[in-house]
Amino acid sequence: EEGYIKYSPYHGSTLTEKGLKEAQKITRKHRLLESFLSNVLRIGKD
C-alpha cells in the first residue's frame, strides 16, 4: 500500500523502485558496518 513492494497473495513479493532504493540504502549501511566491525575492530565474524 505504501508503494515499497509488489505483493501477490500465494505468490510472493518483489521490490518496487522505491522499495529497492530503501533496501539498498539499509543493506549498504549494514554491510559497511560489518566491514568496519570485522576489519577494523577485529570482532569475530560470528
PDB file of all heavy atoms in Angstrom:
ATOM      1  N   GLU A   1       0.817  -1.207   0.000  1.00  0.00           N
ATOM      2  CA  GLU A   1       0.000   0.000   0.000  1.00  0.00           C
ATOM      3  C   GLU A   1       0.857   1.266   0.000  1.00  0.00           C
ATOM      4  O   GLU A   1       0.480   2.280  -0.578  1.00  0.00           O
ATOM      5  CB  GLU A   1      -0.923   0.004   1.226  1.00  0.00           C
ATOM      6  CG  GLU A   1      -2.014  -1.049   1.188  1.00  0.00           C
ATOM      7  CD  GLU A   1      -2.808  -1.101   2.483  1.00  0.00           C
ATOM      8  OE1 GLU A   1      -2.450  -0.351   3.425  1.00  0.00           O
ATOM      9  OE2 GLU A   1      -3.770  -1.882   2.558  1.00  0.00           O
ATOM     10  N   GLU A   2       2.032   1.171   0.635  1.00  0.00           N
ATOM     11  CA  GLU A   2       2.932   2.319   0.710  1.00  0.00           C
ATOM     12  C   GLU A   2       3.854   2.422  -0.498  1.00  0.00           C
ATOM     13  O   GLU A   2       4.664   3.351  -0.595  1.00  0.00           O
ATOM     14  CB  GLU A   2       3.762   2.232   1.990  1.00  0.00           C
ATOM     15  CG  GLU A   2       2.914   2.358   3.257  1.00  0.00           C
ATOM     16  CD  GLU A   2       3.721   2.150   4.526  1.00  0.00           C
ATOM     17  OE1 GLU A   2       4.889   1.713   4.427  1.00  0.00           O
ATOM     18  OE2 GLU A   2       3.196   2.440   5.620  1.00  0.00           O
ATOM     19  N   GLY A   3       3.735   1.460  -1.416  1.00  0.00           N
ATOM     20  CA  GLY A   3       4.489   1.537  -2.663  1.00  0.00           C
ATOM     21  C   GLY A   3       5.896   0.983  -2.628  1.00  0.00           C
ATOM     22  O   GLY A   3       6.679   1.212  -3.554  1.00  0.00           O
ATOM     23  N   TYR A   4       6.242   0.215  -1.574  1.00  0.00           N
ATOM     24  CA  TYR A   4       7.591  -0.327  -1.461  1.00  0.00           C
ATOM     25  C   TYR A   4       7.763  -1.684  -2.142  1.00  0.00           C
ATOM     26  O   TYR A   4       8.874  -2.040  -2.544  1.00  0.00           O
ATOM     27  CB  TYR A   4       7.990  -0.464   0.006  1.00  0.00           C
ATOM     28  CG  TYR A   4       8.204   0.854   0.708  1.00  0.00           C
ATOM     29  CD1 TYR A   4       7.319   1.303   1.697  1.00  0.00           C
ATOM     30  CD2 TYR A   4       9.284   1.665   0.390  1.00  0.00           C
ATOM     31  CE1 TYR A   4       7.515   2.512   2.346  1.00  0.00           C
ATOM     32  CE2 TYR A   4       9.489   2.879   1.030  1.00  0.00           C
ATOM     33  CZ  TYR A   4       8.598   3.300   2.006  1.00  0.00           C
ATOM     34  OH  TYR A   4       8.796   4.499   2.642  1.00  0.00           O
ATOM     35  N   ILE A   5       6.696  -2.442  -2.231  1.00  0.00           N
ATOM     36  CA  ILE A   5       6.766  -3.761  -2.856  1.00  0.00           C
ATOM     37  C   ILE A   5       5.547  -3.996  -3.739  1.00  0.00           C
ATOM     38  O   ILE A   5       4.542  -3.286  -3.642  1.00  0.00           O
ATOM     39  CB  ILE A   5       6.850  -4.903  -1.814  1.00  0.00           C
ATOM     40  CG1 ILE A   5       5.548  -4.993  -1.019  1.00  0.00           C
ATOM     41  CG2 ILE A   5       8.060  -4.745  -0.907  1.00  0.00           C
ATOM     42  CD1 ILE A   5       5.446  -6.255  -0.170  1.00  0.00           C
ATOM     43  N   LYS A   6       5.671  -5.008  -4.578  1.00  0.00           N
ATOM     44  CA  LYS A   6       4.529  -5.544  -5.305  1.00  0.00           C
ATOM     45  C   LYS A   6       4.218  -6.892  -4.653  1.00  0.00           C
ATOM     46  O   LYS A   6       5.073  -7.777  -4.637  1.00  0.00           O
ATOM     47  CB  LYS A   6       4.854  -5.720  -6.781  1.00  0.00           C
ATOM     48  CG  LYS A   6       5.114  -4.415  -7.520  1.00  0.00           C
ATOM     49  CD  LYS A   6       5.480  -4.670  -8.974  1.00  0.00           C
ATOM     50  CE  LYS A   6       5.774  -3.370  -9.709  1.00  0.00           C
ATOM     51  NZ  LYS A   6       6.195  -3.608 -11.113  1.00  0.00           N
ATOM     52  N   TYR A   7       3.017  -7.020  -4.129  1.00  0.00           N
ATOM     53  CA  TYR A   7       2.667  -8.219  -3.374  1.00  0.00           C
ATOM     54  C   TYR A   7       1.507  -8.936  -4.042  1.00  0.00           C
ATOM     55  O   TYR A   7       0.491  -8.339  -4.391  1.00  0.00           O
ATOM     56  CB  TYR A   7       2.273  -7.843  -1.942  1.00  0.00           C
ATOM     57  CG  TYR A   7       1.678  -8.991  -1.151  1.00  0.00           C
ATOM     58  CD1 TYR A   7       2.448 -10.088  -0.795  1.00  0.00           C
ATOM     59  CD2 TYR A   7       0.336  -8.966  -0.776  1.00  0.00           C
ATOM     60  CE1 TYR A   7       1.900 -11.150  -0.086  1.00  0.00           C
ATOM     61  CE2 TYR A   7      -0.223 -10.012  -0.055  1.00  0.00           C
ATOM     62  CZ  TYR A   7       0.566 -11.109   0.284  1.00  0.00           C
ATOM     63  OH  TYR A   7       0.014 -12.145   0.978  1.00  0.00           O
ATOM     64  N   SER A   8       1.677 -10.251  -4.224  1.00  0.00           N
ATOM     65  CA  SER A   8       0.640 -11.086  -4.802  1.00  0.00           C
ATOM     66  C   SER A   8       0.369 -12.255  -3.846  1.00  0.00           C
ATOM     67  O   SER A   8       1.270 -13.063  -3.584  1.00  0.00           O
ATOM     68  CB  SER A   8       1.066 -11.633  -6.170  1.00  0.00           C
ATOM     69  OG  SER A   8       0.086 -12.512  -6.694  1.00  0.00           O
ATOM     70  N   PRO A   9      -0.842 -12.342  -3.284  1.00  0.00           N
ATOM     71  CA  PRO A   9      -1.165 -13.436  -2.353  1.00  0.00           C
ATOM     72  C   PRO A   9      -0.874 -14.806  -2.964  1.00  0.00           C
ATOM     73  O   PRO A   9      -1.145 -15.034  -4.143  1.00  0.00           O
ATOM     74  CB  PRO A   9      -2.667 -13.242  -2.096  1.00  0.00           C
ATOM     75  CG  PRO A   9      -2.898 -11.790  -2.346  1.00  0.00           C
ATOM     76  CD  PRO A   9      -1.981 -11.434  -3.487  1.00  0.00           C
ATOM     77  N   TYR A  10      -0.317 -15.704  -2.172  1.00  0.00           N
ATOM     78  CA  TYR A  10       0.025 -17.075  -2.568  1.00  0.00           C
ATOM     79  C   TYR A  10       1.124 -17.145  -3.642  1.00  0.00           C
ATOM     80  O   TYR A  10       1.393 -18.203  -4.186  1.00  0.00           O
ATOM     81  CB  TYR A  10      -1.220 -17.820  -3.083  1.00  0.00           C
ATOM     82  CG  TYR A  10      -2.387 -17.729  -2.144  1.00  0.00           C
ATOM     83  CD1 TYR A  10      -3.504 -16.956  -2.472  1.00  0.00           C
ATOM     84  CD2 TYR A  10      -2.380 -18.374  -0.904  1.00  0.00           C
ATOM     85  CE1 TYR A  10      -4.591 -16.848  -1.601  1.00  0.00           C
ATOM     86  CE2 TYR A  10      -3.448 -18.261  -0.028  1.00  0.00           C
ATOM     87  CZ  TYR A  10      -4.541 -17.502  -0.384  1.00  0.00           C
ATOM     88  OH  TYR A  10      -5.616 -17.393   0.485  1.00  0.00           O
ATOM     89  N   HIS A  11       1.712 -16.013  -3.950  1.00  0.00           N
ATOM     90  CA  HIS A  11       2.775 -15.994  -4.957  1.00  0.00           C
ATOM     91  C   HIS A  11       4.064 -15.417  -4.362  1.00  0.00           C
ATOM     92  O   HIS A  11       5.079 -16.117  -4.300  1.00  0.00           O
ATOM     93  CB  HIS A  11       2.333 -15.188  -6.173  1.00  0.00           C
ATOM     94  CG  HIS A  11       3.317 -15.217  -7.302  1.00  0.00           C
ATOM     95  ND1 HIS A  11       3.778 -16.385  -7.860  1.00  0.00           N
ATOM     96  CD2 HIS A  11       3.949 -14.202  -7.967  1.00  0.00           C
ATOM     97  CE1 HIS A  11       4.632 -16.108  -8.837  1.00  0.00           C
ATOM     98  NE2 HIS A  11       4.771 -14.789  -8.912  1.00  0.00           N
ATOM     99  N   GLY A  12       4.005 -14.178  -3.900  1.00  0.00           N
ATOM    100  CA  GLY A  12       5.182 -13.602  -3.270  1.00  0.00           C
ATOM    101  C   GLY A  12       5.309 -12.113  -3.509  1.00  0.00           C
ATOM    102  O   GLY A  12       4.360 -11.451  -3.931  1.00  0.00           O
ATOM    103  N   SER A  13       6.506 -11.588  -3.255  1.00  0.00           N
ATOM    104  CA  SER A  13       6.739 -10.147  -3.303  1.00  0.00           C
ATOM    105  C   SER A  13       8.003  -9.821  -4.086  1.00  0.00           C
ATOM    106  O   SER A  13       8.969 -10.588  -4.090  1.00  0.00           O
ATOM    107  CB  SER A  13       6.877  -9.584  -1.881  1.00  0.00           C
ATOM    108  OG  SER A  13       5.748  -9.878  -1.096  1.00  0.00           O
ATOM    109  N   THR A  14       7.976  -8.672  -4.733  1.00  0.00           N
ATOM    110  CA  THR A  14       9.159  -8.102  -5.359  1.00  0.00           C
ATOM    111  C   THR A  14       9.231  -6.633  -4.963  1.00  0.00           C
ATOM    112  O   THR A  14       8.210  -6.007  -4.657  1.00  0.00           O
ATOM    113  CB  THR A  14       9.117  -8.199  -6.899  1.00  0.00           C
ATOM    114  OG1 THR A  14       7.934  -7.546  -7.379  1.00  0.00           O
ATOM    115  CG2 THR A  14       9.118  -9.644  -7.359  1.00  0.00           C
ATOM    116  N   LEU A  15      10.421  -6.077  -4.978  1.00  0.00           N
ATOM    117  CA  LEU A  15      10.607  -4.681  -4.623  1.00  0.00           C
ATOM    118  C   LEU A  15      10.246  -3.765  -5.788  1.00  0.00           C
ATOM    119  O   LEU A  15      10.553  -4.066  -6.949  1.00  0.00           O
ATOM    120  CB  LEU A  15      12.059  -4.421  -4.218  1.00  0.00           C
ATOM    121  CG  LEU A  15      12.546  -5.088  -2.938  1.00  0.00           C
ATOM    122  CD1 LEU A  15      14.071  -4.994  -2.850  1.00  0.00           C
ATOM    123  CD2 LEU A  15      11.910  -4.440  -1.710  1.00  0.00           C
ATOM    124  N   THR A  16       9.600  -2.661  -5.492  1.00  0.00           N
ATOM    125  CA  THR A  16       9.418  -1.604  -6.483  1.00  0.00           C
ATOM    126  C   THR A  16      10.716  -0.789  -6.531  1.00  0.00           C
ATOM    127  O   THR A  16      11.628  -1.012  -5.731  1.00  0.00           O
ATOM    128  CB  THR A  16       8.259  -0.676  -6.102  1.00  0.00           C
ATOM    129  OG1 THR A  16       8.576  -0.033  -4.850  1.00  0.00           O
ATOM    130  CG2 THR A  16       6.960  -1.466  -5.945  1.00  0.00           C
ATOM    131  N   GLU A  17      10.798   0.166  -7.446  1.00  0.00           N
ATOM    132  CA  GLU A  17      11.979   1.030  -7.494  1.00  0.00           C
ATOM    133  C   GLU A  17      12.123   1.797  -6.182  1.00  0.00           C
ATOM    134  O   GLU A  17      13.237   1.991  -5.678  1.00  0.00           O
ATOM    135  CB  GLU A  17      11.876   1.996  -8.680  1.00  0.00           C
ATOM    136  CG  GLU A  17      12.079   1.336 -10.036  1.00  0.00           C
ATOM    137  CD  GLU A  17      13.452   0.691 -10.181  1.00  0.00           C
ATOM    138  OE1 GLU A  17      14.457   1.346  -9.843  1.00  0.00           O
ATOM    139  OE2 GLU A  17      13.524  -0.465 -10.622  1.00  0.00           O
ATOM    140  N   LYS A  18      10.999   2.225  -5.626  1.00  0.00           N
ATOM    141  CA  LYS A  18      11.011   2.923  -4.342  1.00  0.00           C
ATOM    142  C   LYS A  18      11.520   2.003  -3.239  1.00  0.00           C
ATOM    143  O   LYS A  18      12.358   2.404  -2.414  1.00  0.00           O
ATOM    144  CB  LYS A  18       9.604   3.413  -4.005  1.00  0.00           C
ATOM    145  CG  LYS A  18       9.478   4.098  -2.651  1.00  0.00           C
ATOM    146  CD  LYS A  18       8.030   4.507  -2.385  1.00  0.00           C
ATOM    147  CE  LYS A  18       7.870   5.126  -0.985  1.00  0.00           C
ATOM    148  NZ  LYS A  18       6.459   5.506  -0.715  1.00  0.00           N
ATOM    149  N   GLY A  19      11.041   0.779  -3.228  1.00  0.00           N
ATOM    150  CA  GLY A  19      11.469  -0.181  -2.220  1.00  0.00           C
ATOM    151  C   GLY A  19      12.916  -0.588  -2.390  1.00  0.00           C
ATOM    152  O   GLY A  19      13.647  -0.762  -1.408  1.00  0.00           O
ATOM    153  N   LEU A  20      13.345  -0.736  -3.642  1.00  0.00           N
ATOM    154  CA  LEU A  20      14.728  -1.110  -3.919  1.00  0.00           C
ATOM    155  C   LEU A  20      15.687  -0.041  -3.412  1.00  0.00           C
ATOM    156  O   LEU A  20      16.737  -0.352  -2.849  1.00  0.00           O
ATOM    157  CB  LEU A  20      14.923  -1.320  -5.419  1.00  0.00           C
ATOM    158  CG  LEU A  20      16.335  -1.678  -5.882  1.00  0.00           C
ATOM    159  CD1 LEU A  20      16.796  -2.992  -5.259  1.00  0.00           C
ATOM    160  CD2 LEU A  20      16.400  -1.751  -7.402  1.00  0.00           C
ATOM    161  N   LYS A  21      15.325   1.211  -3.594  1.00  0.00           N
ATOM    162  CA  LYS A  21      16.177   2.310  -3.144  1.00  0.00           C
ATOM    163  C   LYS A  21      16.394   2.249  -1.631  1.00  0.00           C
ATOM    164  O   LYS A  21      17.521   2.374  -1.145  1.00  0.00           O
ATOM    165  CB  LYS A  21      15.537   3.650  -3.528  1.00  0.00           C
ATOM    166  CG  LYS A  21      16.404   4.883  -3.246  1.00  0.00           C
ATOM    167  CD  LYS A  21      15.711   6.145  -3.712  1.00  0.00           C
ATOM    168  CE  LYS A  21      16.601   7.360  -3.568  1.00  0.00           C
ATOM    169  NZ  LYS A  21      17.779   7.321  -4.468  1.00  0.00           N
ATOM    170  N   GLU A  22      15.314   2.036  -0.893  1.00  0.00           N
ATOM    171  CA  GLU A  22      15.420   1.958   0.568  1.00  0.00           C
ATOM    172  C   GLU A  22      16.143   0.686   1.009  1.00  0.00           C
ATOM    173  O   GLU A  22      16.923   0.701   1.964  1.00  0.00           O
ATOM    174  CB  GLU A  22      14.026   2.019   1.196  1.00  0.00           C
ATOM    175  CG  GLU A  22      13.297   3.343   0.995  1.00  0.00           C
ATOM    176  CD  GLU A  22      14.006   4.513   1.642  1.00  0.00           C
ATOM    177  OE1 GLU A  22      14.767   4.292   2.620  1.00  0.00           O
ATOM    178  OE2 GLU A  22      13.825   5.644   1.181  1.00  0.00           O
ATOM    179  N   ALA A  23      15.875  -0.415   0.312  1.00  0.00           N
ATOM    180  CA  ALA A  23      16.515  -1.689   0.665  1.00  0.00           C
ATOM    181  C   ALA A  23      18.022  -1.626   0.446  1.00  0.00           C
ATOM    182  O   ALA A  23      18.807  -2.118   1.264  1.00  0.00           O
ATOM    183  CB  ALA A  23      15.911  -2.821  -0.156  1.00  0.00           C
ATOM    184  N   GLN A  24      18.439  -1.029  -0.661  1.00  0.00           N
ATOM    185  CA  GLN A  24      19.864  -0.905  -0.932  1.00  0.00           C
ATOM    186  C   GLN A  24      20.532   0.015   0.083  1.00  0.00           C
ATOM    187  O   GLN A  24      21.673  -0.229   0.491  1.00  0.00           O
ATOM    188  CB  GLN A  24      20.085  -0.372  -2.353  1.00  0.00           C
ATOM    189  CG  GLN A  24      19.805  -1.388  -3.440  1.00  0.00           C
ATOM    190  CD  GLN A  24      20.092  -0.841  -4.827  1.00  0.00           C
ATOM    191  OE1 GLN A  24      19.933   0.348  -5.096  1.00  0.00           O
ATOM    192  NE2 GLN A  24      20.515  -1.704  -5.725  1.00  0.00           N
ATOM    193  N   LYS A  25      19.830   1.052   0.497  1.00  0.00           N
ATOM    194  CA  LYS A  25      20.393   2.012   1.449  1.00  0.00           C
ATOM    195  C   LYS A  25      20.694   1.336   2.791  1.00  0.00           C
ATOM    196  O   LYS A  25      21.798   1.459   3.331  1.00  0.00           O
ATOM    197  CB  LYS A  25      19.406   3.163   1.655  1.00  0.00           C
ATOM    198  CG  LYS A  25      19.933   4.294   2.529  1.00  0.00           C
ATOM    199  CD  LYS A  25      21.005   5.084   1.797  1.00  0.00           C
ATOM    200  CE  LYS A  25      21.437   6.299   2.587  1.00  0.00           C
ATOM    201  NZ  LYS A  25      22.528   7.038   1.916  1.00  0.00           N
ATOM    202  N   ILE A  26      19.710   0.613   3.334  1.00  0.00           N
ATOM    203  CA  ILE A  26      19.913  -0.012   4.641  1.00  0.00           C
ATOM    204  C   ILE A  26      20.879  -1.201   4.533  1.00  0.00           C
ATOM    205  O   ILE A  26      21.670  -1.460   5.446  1.00  0.00           O
ATOM    206  CB  ILE A  26      18.563  -0.453   5.270  1.00  0.00           C
ATOM    207  CG1 ILE A  26      18.755  -0.801   6.747  1.00  0.00           C
ATOM    208  CG2 ILE A  26      17.943  -1.596   4.497  1.00  0.00           C
ATOM    209  CD1 ILE A  26      19.183   0.363   7.604  1.00  0.00           C
ATOM    210  N   THR A  27      20.855  -1.895   3.392  1.00  0.00           N
ATOM    211  CA  THR A  27      21.788  -3.002   3.187  1.00  0.00           C
ATOM    212  C   THR A  27      23.215  -2.489   3.078  1.00  0.00           C
ATOM    213  O   THR A  27      24.154  -3.107   3.604  1.00  0.00           O
ATOM    214  CB  THR A  27      21.417  -3.791   1.915  1.00  0.00           C
ATOM    215  OG1 THR A  27      20.096  -4.327   2.061  1.00  0.00           O
ATOM    216  CG2 THR A  27      22.393  -4.938   1.673  1.00  0.00           C
ATOM    217  N   ARG A  28      23.388  -1.366   2.413  1.00  0.00           N
ATOM    218  CA  ARG A  28      24.717  -0.762   2.298  1.00  0.00           C
ATOM    219  C   ARG A  28      25.267  -0.414   3.680  1.00  0.00           C
ATOM    220  O   ARG A  28      26.425  -0.715   4.004  1.00  0.00           O
ATOM    221  CB  ARG A  28      24.646   0.486   1.420  1.00  0.00           C
ATOM    222  CG  ARG A  28      25.942   1.292   1.389  1.00  0.00           C
ATOM    223  CD  ARG A  28      25.830   2.474   0.433  1.00  0.00           C
ATOM    224  NE  ARG A  28      26.922   3.418   0.638  1.00  0.00           N
ATOM    225  CZ  ARG A  28      28.156   3.259   0.175  1.00  0.00           C
ATOM    226  NH1 ARG A  28      28.468   2.183  -0.526  1.00  0.00           N
ATOM    227  NH2 ARG A  28      29.091   4.166   0.390  1.00  0.00           N
ATOM    228  N   LYS A  29      24.442   0.219   4.511  1.00  0.00           N
ATOM    229  CA  LYS A  29      24.883   0.570   5.862  1.00  0.00           C
ATOM    230  C   LYS A  29      25.253  -0.688   6.650  1.00  0.00           C
ATOM    231  O   LYS A  29      26.275  -0.715   7.351  1.00  0.00           O
ATOM    232  CB  LYS A  29      23.791   1.362   6.578  1.00  0.00           C
ATOM    233  CG  LYS A  29      23.584   2.761   6.024  1.00  0.00           C
ATOM    234  CD  LYS A  29      22.524   3.533   6.799  1.00  0.00           C
ATOM    235  CE  LYS A  29      22.397   4.959   6.259  1.00  0.00           C
ATOM    236  NZ  LYS A  29      21.403   5.763   7.007  1.00  0.00           N
ATOM    237  N   HIS A  30      24.431  -1.711   6.526  1.00  0.00           N
ATOM    238  CA  HIS A  30      24.687  -2.962   7.248  1.00  0.00           C
ATOM    239  C   HIS A  30      26.028  -3.568   6.833  1.00  0.00           C
ATOM    240  O   HIS A  30      26.842  -3.951   7.688  1.00  0.00           O
ATOM    241  CB  HIS A  30      23.557  -3.954   6.973  1.00  0.00           C
ATOM    242  CG  HIS A  30      23.763  -5.286   7.621  1.00  0.00           C
ATOM    243  ND1 HIS A  30      23.281  -5.586   8.874  1.00  0.00           N
ATOM    244  CD2 HIS A  30      24.412  -6.409   7.192  1.00  0.00           C
ATOM    245  CE1 HIS A  30      23.615  -6.819   9.194  1.00  0.00           C
ATOM    246  NE2 HIS A  30      24.298  -7.346   8.187  1.00  0.00           N
ATOM    247  N   ARG A  31      26.283  -3.640   5.549  1.00  0.00           N
ATOM    248  CA  ARG A  31      27.492  -4.305   5.073  1.00  0.00           C
ATOM    249  C   ARG A  31      28.743  -3.468   5.305  1.00  0.00           C
ATOM    250  O   ARG A  31      29.836  -4.014   5.522  1.00  0.00           O
ATOM    251  CB  ARG A  31      27.322  -4.683   3.596  1.00  0.00           C
ATOM    252  CG  ARG A  31      26.239  -5.752   3.415  1.00  0.00           C
ATOM    253  CD  ARG A  31      25.995  -6.137   1.971  1.00  0.00           C
ATOM    254  NE  ARG A  31      24.910  -7.117   1.896  1.00  0.00           N
ATOM    255  CZ  ARG A  31      24.357  -7.555   0.768  1.00  0.00           C
ATOM    256  NH1 ARG A  31      24.793  -7.094  -0.404  1.00  0.00           N
ATOM    257  NH2 ARG A  31      23.377  -8.444   0.807  1.00  0.00           N
ATOM    258  N   LEU A  32      28.610  -2.148   5.278  1.00  0.00           N
ATOM    259  CA  LEU A  32      29.742  -1.296   5.642  1.00  0.00           C
ATOM    260  C   LEU A  32      30.091  -1.493   7.119  1.00  0.00           C
ATOM    261  O   LEU A  32      31.271  -1.569   7.487  1.00  0.00           O
ATOM    262  CB  LEU A  32      29.416   0.172   5.378  1.00  0.00           C
ATOM    263  CG  LEU A  32      29.495   0.656   3.933  1.00  0.00           C
ATOM    264  CD1 LEU A  32      28.981   2.094   3.823  1.00  0.00           C
ATOM    265  CD2 LEU A  32      30.927   0.566   3.389  1.00  0.00           C
ATOM    266  N   LEU A  33      29.063  -1.571   7.948  1.00  0.00           N
ATOM    267  CA  LEU A  33      29.287  -1.786   9.378  1.00  0.00           C
ATOM    268  C   LEU A  33      29.936  -3.140   9.632  1.00  0.00           C
ATOM    269  O   LEU A  33      30.822  -3.271  10.489  1.00  0.00           O
ATOM    270  CB  LEU A  33      27.965  -1.679  10.141  1.00  0.00           C
ATOM    271  CG  LEU A  33      27.442  -0.259  10.342  1.00  0.00           C
ATOM    272  CD1 LEU A  33      25.980  -0.271  10.794  1.00  0.00           C
ATOM    273  CD2 LEU A  33      28.300   0.498  11.361  1.00  0.00           C
ATOM    274  N   GLU A  34      29.521  -4.150   8.884  1.00  0.00           N
ATOM    275  CA  GLU A  34      30.157  -5.463   9.036  1.00  0.00           C
ATOM    276  C   GLU A  34      31.645  -5.383   8.699  1.00  0.00           C
ATOM    277  O   GLU A  34      32.480  -5.983   9.381  1.00  0.00           O
ATOM    278  CB  GLU A  34      29.467  -6.482   8.133  1.00  0.00           C
ATOM    279  CG  GLU A  34      28.109  -6.947   8.644  1.00  0.00           C
ATOM    280  CD  GLU A  34      27.565  -8.116   7.858  1.00  0.00           C
ATOM    281  OE1 GLU A  34      27.923  -8.260   6.672  1.00  0.00           O
ATOM    282  OE2 GLU A  34      26.782  -8.887   8.428  1.00  0.00           O
ATOM    283  N   SER A  35      31.976  -4.649   7.645  1.00  0.00           N
ATOM    284  CA  SER A  35      33.379  -4.488   7.263  1.00  0.00           C
ATOM    285  C   SER A  35      34.158  -3.766   8.354  1.00  0.00           C
ATOM    286  O   SER A  35      35.289  -4.145   8.686  1.00  0.00           O
ATOM    287  CB  SER A  35      33.481  -3.706   5.945  1.00  0.00           C
ATOM    288  OG  SER A  35      32.919  -4.435   4.878  1.00  0.00           O
ATOM    289  N   PHE A  36      33.557  -2.734   8.924  1.00  0.00           N
ATOM    290  CA  PHE A  36      34.216  -1.974   9.991  1.00  0.00           C
ATOM    291  C   PHE A  36      34.420  -2.838  11.234  1.00  0.00           C
ATOM    292  O   PHE A  36      35.516  -2.878  11.810  1.00  0.00           O
ATOM    293  CB  PHE A  36      33.368  -0.750  10.334  1.00  0.00           C
ATOM    294  CG  PHE A  36      33.880   0.044  11.504  1.00  0.00           C
ATOM    295  CD1 PHE A  36      35.036   0.792  11.403  1.00  0.00           C
ATOM    296  CD2 PHE A  36      33.207   0.024  12.713  1.00  0.00           C
ATOM    297  CE1 PHE A  36      35.519   1.519  12.491  1.00  0.00           C
ATOM    298  CE2 PHE A  36      33.676   0.740  13.804  1.00  0.00           C
ATOM    299  CZ  PHE A  36      34.841   1.490  13.689  1.00  0.00           C
ATOM    300  N   LEU A  37      33.379  -3.533  11.631  1.00  0.00           N
ATOM    301  CA  LEU A  37      33.457  -4.354  12.833  1.00  0.00           C
ATOM    302  C   LEU A  37      34.470  -5.487  12.686  1.00  0.00           C
ATOM    303  O   LEU A  37      35.208  -5.815  13.613  1.00  0.00           O
ATOM    304  CB  LEU A  37      32.080  -4.934  13.154  1.00  0.00           C
ATOM    305  CG  LEU A  37      31.012  -3.925  13.591  1.00  0.00           C
ATOM    306  CD1 LEU A  37      29.629  -4.571  13.552  1.00  0.00           C
ATOM    307  CD2 LEU A  37      31.318  -3.389  14.985  1.00  0.00           C
ATOM    308  N   SER A  38      34.518  -6.068  11.496  1.00  0.00           N
ATOM    309  CA  SER A  38      35.404  -7.207  11.271  1.00  0.00           C
ATOM    310  C   SER A  38      36.841  -6.780  10.994  1.00  0.00           C
ATOM    311  O   SER A  38      37.782  -7.294  11.606  1.00  0.00           O
ATOM    312  CB  SER A  38      34.884  -8.048  10.100  1.00  0.00           C
ATOM    313  OG  SER A  38      35.749  -9.134   9.822  1.00  0.00           O
ATOM    314  N   ASN A  39      37.019  -5.830  10.086  1.00  0.00           N
ATOM    315  CA  ASN A  39      38.360  -5.492   9.609  1.00  0.00           C
ATOM    316  C   ASN A  39      39.081  -4.448  10.451  1.00  0.00           C
ATOM    317  O   ASN A  39      40.315  -4.397  10.450  1.00  0.00           O
ATOM    318  CB  ASN A  39      38.287  -5.010   8.159  1.00  0.00           C
ATOM    319  CG  ASN A  39      37.729  -6.057   7.230  1.00  0.00           C
ATOM    320  OD1 ASN A  39      37.864  -7.249   7.477  1.00  0.00           O
ATOM    321  ND2 ASN A  39      37.084  -5.628   6.161  1.00  0.00           N
ATOM    322  N   VAL A  40      38.319  -3.600  11.148  1.00  0.00           N
ATOM    323  CA  VAL A  40      38.935  -2.552  11.959  1.00  0.00           C
ATOM    324  C   VAL A  40      38.904  -2.918  13.441  1.00  0.00           C
ATOM    325  O   VAL A  40      39.929  -2.883  14.126  1.00  0.00           O
ATOM    326  CB  VAL A  40      38.237  -1.190  11.731  1.00  0.00           C
ATOM    327  CG1 VAL A  40      38.871  -0.120  12.627  1.00  0.00           C
ATOM    328  CG2 VAL A  40      38.349  -0.781  10.275  1.00  0.00           C
ATOM    329  N   LEU A  41      37.732  -3.289  13.944  1.00  0.00           N
ATOM    330  CA  LEU A  41      37.609  -3.625  15.361  1.00  0.00           C
ATOM    331  C   LEU A  41      37.962  -5.079  15.660  1.00  0.00           C
ATOM    332  O   LEU A  41      38.055  -5.463  16.831  1.00  0.00           O
ATOM    333  CB  LEU A  41      36.178  -3.331  15.846  1.00  0.00           C
ATOM    334  CG  LEU A  41      35.721  -1.876  15.727  1.00  0.00           C
ATOM    335  CD1 LEU A  41      34.355  -1.700  16.377  1.00  0.00           C
ATOM    336  CD2 LEU A  41      36.728  -0.922  16.339  1.00  0.00           C
ATOM    337  N   ARG A  42      38.125  -5.883  14.607  1.00  0.00           N
ATOM    338  CA  ARG A  42      38.533  -7.292  14.757  1.00  0.00           C
ATOM    339  C   ARG A  42      37.547  -8.113  15.577  1.00  0.00           C
ATOM    340  O   ARG A  42      37.928  -9.013  16.319  1.00  0.00           O
ATOM    341  CB  ARG A  42      39.931  -7.391  15.383  1.00  0.00           C
ATOM    342  CG  ARG A  42      41.021  -6.659  14.610  1.00  0.00           C
ATOM    343  CD  ARG A  42      41.164  -7.192  13.200  1.00  0.00           C
ATOM    344  NE  ARG A  42      42.208  -6.484  12.469  1.00  0.00           N
ATOM    345  CZ  ARG A  42      42.489  -6.698  11.184  1.00  0.00           C
ATOM    346  NH1 ARG A  42      41.764  -7.567  10.493  1.00  0.00           N
ATOM    347  NH2 ARG A  42      43.438  -6.009  10.575  1.00  0.00           N
ATOM    348  N   ILE A  43      36.283  -7.804  15.445  1.00  0.00           N
ATOM    349  CA  ILE A  43      35.245  -8.604  16.093  1.00  0.00           C
ATOM    350  C   ILE A  43      35.028  -9.877  15.277  1.00  0.00           C
ATOM    351  O   ILE A  43      35.061  -9.850  14.048  1.00  0.00           O
ATOM    352  CB  ILE A  43      33.939  -7.788  16.206  1.00  0.00           C
ATOM    353  CG1 ILE A  43      34.145  -6.640  17.196  1.00  0.00           C
ATOM    354  CG2 ILE A  43      32.767  -8.662  16.645  1.00  0.00           C
ATOM    355  CD1 ILE A  43      32.955  -5.728  17.339  1.00  0.00           C
ATOM    356  N   GLY A  44      34.805 -10.979  15.947  1.00  0.00           N
ATOM    357  CA  GLY A  44      34.652 -12.260  15.273  1.00  0.00           C
ATOM    358  C   GLY A  44      33.525 -12.257  14.261  1.00  0.00           C
ATOM    359  O   GLY A  44      32.483 -11.638  14.475  1.00  0.00           O
ATOM    360  N   LYS A  45      33.737 -12.954  13.139  1.00  0.00           N
ATOM    361  CA  LYS A  45      32.743 -12.971  12.075  1.00  0.00           C
ATOM    362  C   LYS A  45      31.412 -13.589  12.506  1.00  0.00           C
ATOM    363  O   LYS A  45      30.382 -13.341  11.888  1.00  0.00           O
ATOM    364  CB  LYS A  45      33.301 -13.710  10.860  1.00  0.00           C
ATOM    365  CG  LYS A  45      34.426 -12.947  10.162  1.00  0.00           C
ATOM    366  CD  LYS A  45      34.864 -13.643   8.888  1.00  0.00           C
ATOM    367  CE  LYS A  45      35.949 -12.836   8.181  1.00  0.00           C
ATOM    368  NZ  LYS A  45      36.382 -13.489   6.919  1.00  0.00           N
ATOM    369  N   ASP A  46      31.441 -14.365  13.561  1.00  0.00           N
ATOM    370  CA  ASP A  46      30.203 -14.961  14.055  1.00  0.00           C
ATOM    371  C   ASP A  46      29.354 -13.953  14.812  1.00  0.00           C
ATOM    372  O   ASP A  46      28.184 -14.230  15.129  1.00  0.00           O
ATOM    373  CB  ASP A  46      30.511 -16.162  14.956  1.00  0.00           C
ATOM    374  CG  ASP A  46      31.374 -15.781  16.159  1.00  0.00           C
ATOM    375  OD1 ASP A  46      32.225 -14.885  16.017  1.00  0.00           O
ATOM    376  OD2 ASP A  46      31.192 -16.384  17.223  1.00  0.00           O
TER     377      ASP A  46
END
